Amino acid sequence: MTSLAQVLAALDRIILGKQAELRLCLACLLARGHLLIEDVPGVGKTTLAHALAQVLGLHWQRVQFTSDLLPADVLGVSVFDRATQQFEFRRGPVFTQLLVADEVNRASPRTQSALLEVMEERQVSIDGVTHALPEPFFVVATQNPHEQLGTFALPESQLDRFLMRVTLGYPDAAQERTLLVEPDRRTRLASVQPVLGAAEVVALQAQVGLVAVAPALLDYVQALIAHTRADPALRRGLSPRAGQGLVRAARAWALLQGRRIVLPEDVQAVLPAIANHRLAPRTAGSQRDLGRELLAAVPVPA
């Protein structure tokens, strides 16, 4: 069994019956992307974030986002040291390899915006000094549906910095029976052994960059992106950042499949998770899977 297969098997023992979602999460991290897990409370969002950190062997820290959380609580703060008569920067929890931003949409927009530089540049700028973050660095954020009380909608600029958004959904009857009978999933986390380490994750990210992408495949990606920008039913199309992320994620998906070249089905597998939180219809209506609609509207080039 390859190391990636071992990672997926270990995650599957914690999060039952969500193989497709787990594969998307792993592809997102291998593509150097940040992950947003959105669902109702109690379906395992935070447990999944903890499991990813544990199985990948990464140093991680968790921040519970609340309405009174300040940017300094996440990034760090400069404190005056009387002994040295100088300001000393005390690093916040963001200085880790995997930051679990729990219920990120319960924080105020000011605190949410503190993550913008962190997620894009992988650095923190405080008092004119830039502090680099560890390598690798991921943000795995969870959020509750917007209609729930006490939530703030994430700004579009921040949503665009999440490579993927995934939902777990409720378990089926057999999986729920297992959850009712067996010990709590978080109890199992304590006994989970890391399958990889930080150096191995970085090496796998480098392998993702070596997966071949044919010109015809890029034509398909560009056709998908162009369709979103020309569709009058959408308020905005996919950004260049989204297009770059789509190619990286498709490469990561191909690597998970054991291939060294990207196929159209790799793009199709990851596109809904990349597009659905970025696209919005002009008219409000029922929840739509805009990513699936996009795949149905744009044919694969011959």
Protein backbone atom coordinates (compact mmCIF):
# COMPACT_ATOMS: atom_id res chain seq x y z
CA MET A 1 0.00 0.00 0.00
CA THR A 2 1.38 3.41 -0.99
CA SER A 3 1.73 6.17 1.57
CA LEU A 4 -1.20 8.10 0.07
CA ALA A 5 -3.40 5.01 0.22
CA GLN A 6 -2.38 4.57 3.86
CA VAL A 7 -3.33 8.17 4.59
CA LEU A 8 -6.78 7.70 3.06
CA ALA A 9 -7.27 4.39 4.90
CA ALA A 10 -6.35 6.02 8.22
CA LEU A 11 -8.73 8.92 7.62
CA ASP A 12 -11.51 6.51 6.63
CA ARG A 13 -11.25 4.83 10.03
CA ILE A 14 -12.05 8.16 11.68
CA ILE A 15 -14.56 9.68 9.24
CA LEU A 16 -16.80 6.82 8.13
CA GLY A 17 -18.17 6.44 4.62
CA LYS A 18 -16.87 9.71 3.17
CA GLN A 19 -14.15 8.42 0.85
CA ALA A 20 -14.83 10.94 -1.93
CA GLU A 21 -14.79 13.87 0.49
CA LEU A 22 -11.59 12.63 2.16
CA ARG A 23 -9.90 12.30 -1.23
CA LEU A 24 -10.89 15.87 -2.06
CA CYS A 25 -9.47 17.13 1.23
CA LEU A 26 -6.17 15.35 0.66
CA ALA A 27 -5.97 16.58 -2.94
CA CYS A 28 -6.56 20.13 -1.70
CA LEU A 29 -3.65 19.97 0.75
CA LEU A 30 -1.32 18.29 -1.73
CA ALA A 31 -2.12 21.11 -4.17
CA ARG A 32 -0.95 23.63 -1.53
CA GLY A 33 -4.49 24.87 -1.08
CA HIS A 34 -6.54 25.88 1.92
CA LEU A 35 -9.65 23.92 2.81
CA LEU A 36 -13.09 25.09 3.93
CA ILE A 37 -15.39 22.48 5.48
CA GLU A 38 -18.98 23.71 5.63
CA ASP A 39 -21.87 21.84 7.21
CA VAL A 40 -24.32 21.82 10.09
CA PRO A 41 -22.90 21.28 13.61
CA GLY A 42 -22.21 17.74 14.73
CA VAL A 43 -21.32 15.96 11.49
CA GLY A 44 -17.56 15.76 12.13
CA LYS A 45 -16.07 18.91 10.59
CA THR A 46 -13.62 19.61 13.41
CA THR A 47 -12.83 15.92 13.84
CA LEU A 48 -11.89 15.74 10.16
CA ALA A 49 -9.57 18.76 10.52
CA HIS A 50 -7.87 17.15 13.53
CA ALA A 51 -7.57 13.82 11.70
CA LEU A 52 -5.87 15.46 8.71
CA ALA A 53 -3.26 17.05 10.97
CA GLN A 54 -2.70 13.84 12.93
CA VAL A 55 -2.41 11.49 9.95
CA LEU A 56 -0.18 13.83 7.96
CA GLY A 57 2.14 14.22 10.94
CA LEU A 58 1.93 18.01 11.00
CA HIS A 59 2.25 20.39 13.91
CA TRP A 60 -1.15 22.01 14.32
CA GLN A 61 -3.01 24.49 16.43
CA ARG A 62 -6.71 25.15 16.77
CA VAL A 63 -8.36 28.54 17.14
CA GLN A 64 -12.02 28.80 18.10
CA PHE A 65 -13.34 31.78 16.17
CA THR A 66 -15.84 33.87 18.13
CA SER A 67 -17.37 37.32 17.72
CA ASP A 68 -14.89 38.87 20.20
CA LEU A 69 -11.76 37.29 18.69
CA LEU A 70 -9.18 39.91 17.64
CA PRO A 71 -6.62 39.70 14.81
CA ALA A 72 -3.81 39.73 17.39
CA ASP A 73 -5.31 36.60 18.96
CA VAL A 74 -4.57 34.79 15.70
CA LEU A 75 -1.48 36.49 14.29
CA GLY A 76 0.42 37.54 17.40
CA VAL A 77 1.31 40.83 19.01
CA SER A 78 4.35 43.01 19.77
CA VAL A 79 4.95 43.39 23.51
CA PHE A 80 7.36 45.85 25.09
CA ASP A 81 10.12 44.11 27.05
CA ARG A 82 11.32 46.32 29.89
CA ALA A 83 14.53 44.33 30.30
CA THR A 84 15.71 44.96 26.74
CA GLN A 85 13.78 48.21 26.22
CA GLN A 86 12.56 46.79 22.90
CA PHE A 87 9.35 45.42 21.45
CA GLU A 88 9.28 41.65 21.18
CA PHE A 89 6.95 39.87 18.76
CA ARG A 90 5.04 37.05 20.38
CA ARG A 91 3.82 34.67 17.74
CA GLY A 92 0.18 33.72 17.59
CA PRO A 93 -1.29 30.29 16.83
CA VAL A 94 -1.09 30.92 13.08
CA PHE A 95 2.61 30.00 13.29
CA THR A 96 2.03 26.32 12.75
CA GLN A 97 1.91 23.88 9.85
CA LEU A 98 -1.84 23.31 9.95
CA LEU A 99 -4.15 25.92 11.45
CA VAL A 100 -7.61 24.67 12.36
CA ALA A 101 -9.85 27.75 12.18
CA ASP A 102 -12.95 26.38 13.88
CA GLU A 103 -16.27 28.06 13.02
CA VAL A 104 -14.42 30.75 11.12
CA ASN A 105 -17.60 32.57 10.14
CA ARG A 106 -18.46 33.34 13.76
CA ALA A 107 -15.64 35.91 13.89
CA SER A 108 -16.09 39.51 12.85
CA PRO A 109 -15.09 40.59 9.33
CA ARG A 110 -12.08 42.41 10.82
CA THR A 111 -10.69 39.18 12.28
CA GLN A 112 -11.55 37.17 9.18
CA SER A 113 -9.57 39.64 7.07
CA ALA A 114 -6.50 39.00 9.23
CA LEU A 115 -6.17 35.66 7.43
CA LEU A 116 -5.97 37.17 3.93
CA GLU A 117 -2.20 37.76 3.88
CA VAL A 118 -1.60 34.54 5.79
CA MET A 119 -3.45 32.42 3.24
CA GLU A 120 -2.09 34.10 0.12
CA GLU A 121 1.49 34.99 1.03
CA ARG A 122 2.10 32.48 3.84
CA GLN A 123 3.55 35.24 5.98
CA VAL A 124 2.54 37.70 8.69
CA SER A 125 3.41 41.42 8.58
CA ILE A 126 3.41 43.14 11.98
CA ASP A 127 4.83 46.62 12.66
CA GLY A 128 6.58 46.66 9.30
CA VAL A 129 8.34 43.32 9.88
CA THR A 130 7.50 40.23 7.83
CA HIS A 131 7.51 36.85 9.55
CA ALA A 132 7.49 33.73 7.35
CA LEU A 133 5.22 30.83 8.24
CA PRO A 134 6.39 27.20 8.46
CA GLU A 135 6.48 24.89 5.47
CA PRO A 136 4.09 23.34 4.69
CA PHE A 137 1.32 25.65 5.83
CA PHE A 138 -2.41 25.01 5.50
CA VAL A 139 -5.56 26.61 6.83
CA VAL A 140 -8.35 24.11 7.42
CA ALA A 141 -11.42 26.13 8.37
CA THR A 142 -14.85 24.95 9.41
CA GLN A 143 -17.99 27.02 9.12
CA ASN A 144 -21.67 26.65 9.86
CA PRO A 145 -24.39 27.47 7.31
CA HIS A 146 -25.01 31.22 6.96
CA GLU A 147 -28.62 30.98 8.09
CA GLN A 148 -27.54 29.99 11.60
CA LEU A 149 -27.50 32.66 14.29
CA GLY A 150 -24.24 34.42 15.12
CA THR A 151 -22.51 33.92 11.80
CA PHE A 152 -20.90 36.44 9.44
CA ALA A 153 -20.66 35.69 5.74
CA LEU A 154 -17.07 35.31 4.57
CA PRO A 155 -16.09 38.07 2.12
CA GLU A 156 -15.61 37.04 -1.49
CA SER A 157 -11.91 37.89 -1.33
CA GLN A 158 -11.43 35.36 1.44
CA LEU A 159 -13.62 32.69 -0.12
CA ASP A 160 -11.43 32.88 -3.21
CA ARG A 161 -8.41 32.01 -1.11
CA PHE A 162 -9.91 28.68 -0.12
CA LEU A 163 -9.01 26.28 -2.90
CA MET A 164 -11.89 23.93 -2.01
CA ARG A 165 -15.05 23.84 -0.02
CA VAL A 166 -16.38 20.42 0.96
CA THR A 167 -19.44 19.26 2.85
CA LEU A 168 -19.75 16.00 4.74
CA GLY A 169 -23.49 15.57 5.05
CA TYR A 170 -25.28 13.16 7.34
CA PRO A 171 -24.07 9.54 7.52
CA ASP A 172 -26.19 6.77 6.05
CA ALA A 173 -28.04 4.35 8.34
CA ALA A 174 -25.23 1.76 8.56
CA GLN A 175 -22.56 4.34 9.30
CA GLU A 176 -24.73 6.05 11.90
CA ARG A 177 -25.35 2.73 13.63
CA THR A 178 -21.57 2.27 13.86
CA LEU A 179 -21.22 5.76 15.34
CA LEU A 180 -23.89 4.95 17.93
CA VAL A 181 -22.24 1.69 18.99
CA GLU A 182 -18.52 2.48 18.86
CA PRO A 183 -16.58 4.99 20.98
CA ASP A 184 -16.54 8.63 19.96
CA ARG A 185 -14.41 9.32 16.88
CA ARG A 186 -12.31 11.89 18.76
CA THR A 187 -11.36 9.20 21.25
CA ARG A 188 -9.86 7.25 18.37
CA LEU A 189 -7.77 10.23 17.31
CA ALA A 190 -5.49 9.77 20.31
CA SER A 191 -4.42 6.36 19.03
CA VAL A 192 -3.94 7.35 15.38
CA GLN A 193 -0.31 7.20 14.32
CA PRO A 194 1.05 9.65 11.73
CA VAL A 195 1.45 8.10 8.29
CA LEU A 196 3.52 10.95 6.84
CA GLY A 197 5.62 13.81 8.14
CA ALA A 198 6.12 17.43 7.11
CA ALA A 199 9.08 16.60 4.83
CA GLU A 200 7.10 13.87 3.08
CA VAL A 201 4.13 16.18 2.56
CA VAL A 202 6.42 18.78 0.95
CA ALA A 203 7.92 16.06 -1.26
CA LEU A 204 4.45 14.96 -2.39
CA GLN A 205 3.55 18.57 -3.19
CA ALA A 206 6.62 18.69 -5.42
CA GLN A 207 5.45 15.50 -7.15
CA VAL A 208 2.09 17.14 -7.84
CA GLY A 209 3.90 19.83 -9.82
CA LEU A 210 5.48 17.16 -12.03
CA VAL A 211 2.17 15.63 -13.15
CA ALA A 212 1.83 16.38 -16.87
CA VAL A 213 -0.94 18.59 -18.24
CA ALA A 214 -1.57 18.38 -22.00
CA PRO A 215 -2.50 21.50 -24.03
CA ALA A 216 -5.91 19.97 -24.79
CA LEU A 217 -6.57 19.65 -21.06
CA LEU A 218 -5.71 23.32 -20.57
CA ASP A 219 -8.16 24.13 -23.40
CA TYR A 220 -10.84 22.34 -21.38
CA VAL A 221 -9.98 24.26 -18.22
CA GLN A 222 -10.05 27.57 -20.06
CA ALA A 223 -13.40 26.70 -21.65
CA LEU A 224 -14.86 26.02 -18.22
CA ILE A 225 -13.54 29.29 -16.82
CA ALA A 226 -14.67 31.31 -19.85
CA HIS A 227 -18.18 29.87 -19.59
CA THR A 228 -18.55 31.16 -16.02
CA ARG A 229 -17.50 34.65 -17.08
CA ALA A 230 -19.89 34.76 -20.04
CA ASP A 231 -22.91 33.24 -18.29
CA PRO A 232 -25.43 36.06 -17.68
CA ALA A 233 -27.06 34.00 -14.91
CA LEU A 234 -23.92 34.31 -12.73
CA ARG A 235 -22.90 37.41 -10.79
CA ARG A 236 -19.20 36.70 -11.30
CA GLY A 237 -16.99 34.16 -13.02
CA LEU A 238 -14.05 32.13 -11.79
CA SER A 239 -10.92 34.16 -11.05
CA PRO A 240 -7.44 33.45 -12.43
CA ARG A 241 -6.55 32.21 -8.93
CA ALA A 242 -9.38 29.69 -9.19
CA GLY A 243 -8.13 28.54 -12.60
CA GLN A 244 -4.61 28.00 -11.30
CA GLY A 245 -6.00 26.13 -8.31
CA LEU A 246 -8.15 23.95 -10.57
CA VAL A 247 -5.07 22.79 -12.50
CA ARG A 248 -3.11 22.13 -9.30
CA ALA A 249 -6.01 20.22 -7.76
CA ALA A 250 -6.52 18.14 -10.90
CA ARG A 251 -2.83 17.26 -10.81
CA ALA A 252 -3.13 16.23 -7.16
CA TRP A 253 -6.21 14.11 -7.93
CA ALA A 254 -4.34 12.38 -10.75
CA LEU A 255 -1.46 11.64 -8.36
CA LEU A 256 -3.91 10.14 -5.87
CA GLN A 257 -5.16 7.93 -8.71
CA GLY A 258 -1.59 6.79 -9.38
CA ARG A 259 -1.24 8.62 -12.70
CA ARG A 260 1.39 11.05 -13.96
CA ILE A 261 -0.87 12.84 -16.46
CA VAL A 262 -4.08 14.77 -15.89
CA LEU A 263 -7.24 13.49 -17.59
CA PRO A 264 -10.55 15.36 -18.03
CA GLU A 265 -12.13 13.21 -15.32
CA ASP A 266 -9.57 14.59 -12.84
CA VAL A 267 -10.78 18.12 -13.59
CA GLN A 268 -14.39 16.99 -13.32
CA ALA A 269 -13.77 15.32 -9.96
CA VAL A 270 -12.41 18.46 -8.27
CA LEU A 271 -14.24 21.27 -10.07
CA PRO A 272 -17.47 21.36 -7.99
CA ALA A 273 -15.47 21.72 -4.75
CA ILE A 274 -13.50 24.56 -6.34
CA ALA A 275 -16.34 26.37 -8.11
CA ASN A 276 -19.40 26.14 -5.88
CA HIS A 277 -18.23 28.59 -3.21
CA ARG A 278 -16.95 31.06 -5.81
CA LEU A 279 -19.95 31.18 -8.16
CA ALA A 280 -23.24 32.83 -7.25
CA PRO A 281 -26.44 33.14 -9.31
CA ARG A 282 -27.82 36.62 -9.99
CA THR A 283 -31.24 35.62 -8.70
CA ALA A 284 -31.67 34.09 -5.29
CA GLY A 285 -33.22 30.65 -5.27
CA SER A 286 -32.84 27.13 -4.04
CA GLN A 287 -29.41 25.67 -3.41
CA ARG A 288 -27.85 24.71 -6.75
CA ASP A 289 -24.79 22.68 -7.61
CA LEU A 290 -23.33 25.24 -9.99
CA GLY A 291 -20.18 23.18 -10.47
CA ARG A 292 -22.14 20.21 -11.80
CA GLU A 293 -24.19 22.52 -14.01
CA LEU A 294 -20.96 23.95 -15.40
CA LEU A 295 -19.59 20.49 -16.21
CA ALA A 296 -22.82 19.61 -18.01
CA ALA A 297 -22.74 22.84 -20.04
CA VAL A 298 -19.13 22.63 -21.28
CA PRO A 299 -18.19 19.57 -23.38
CA VAL A 300 -14.76 17.96 -23.21
CA PRO A 301 -12.73 19.00 -26.29
CA ALA A 302 -12.42 16.24 -28.86
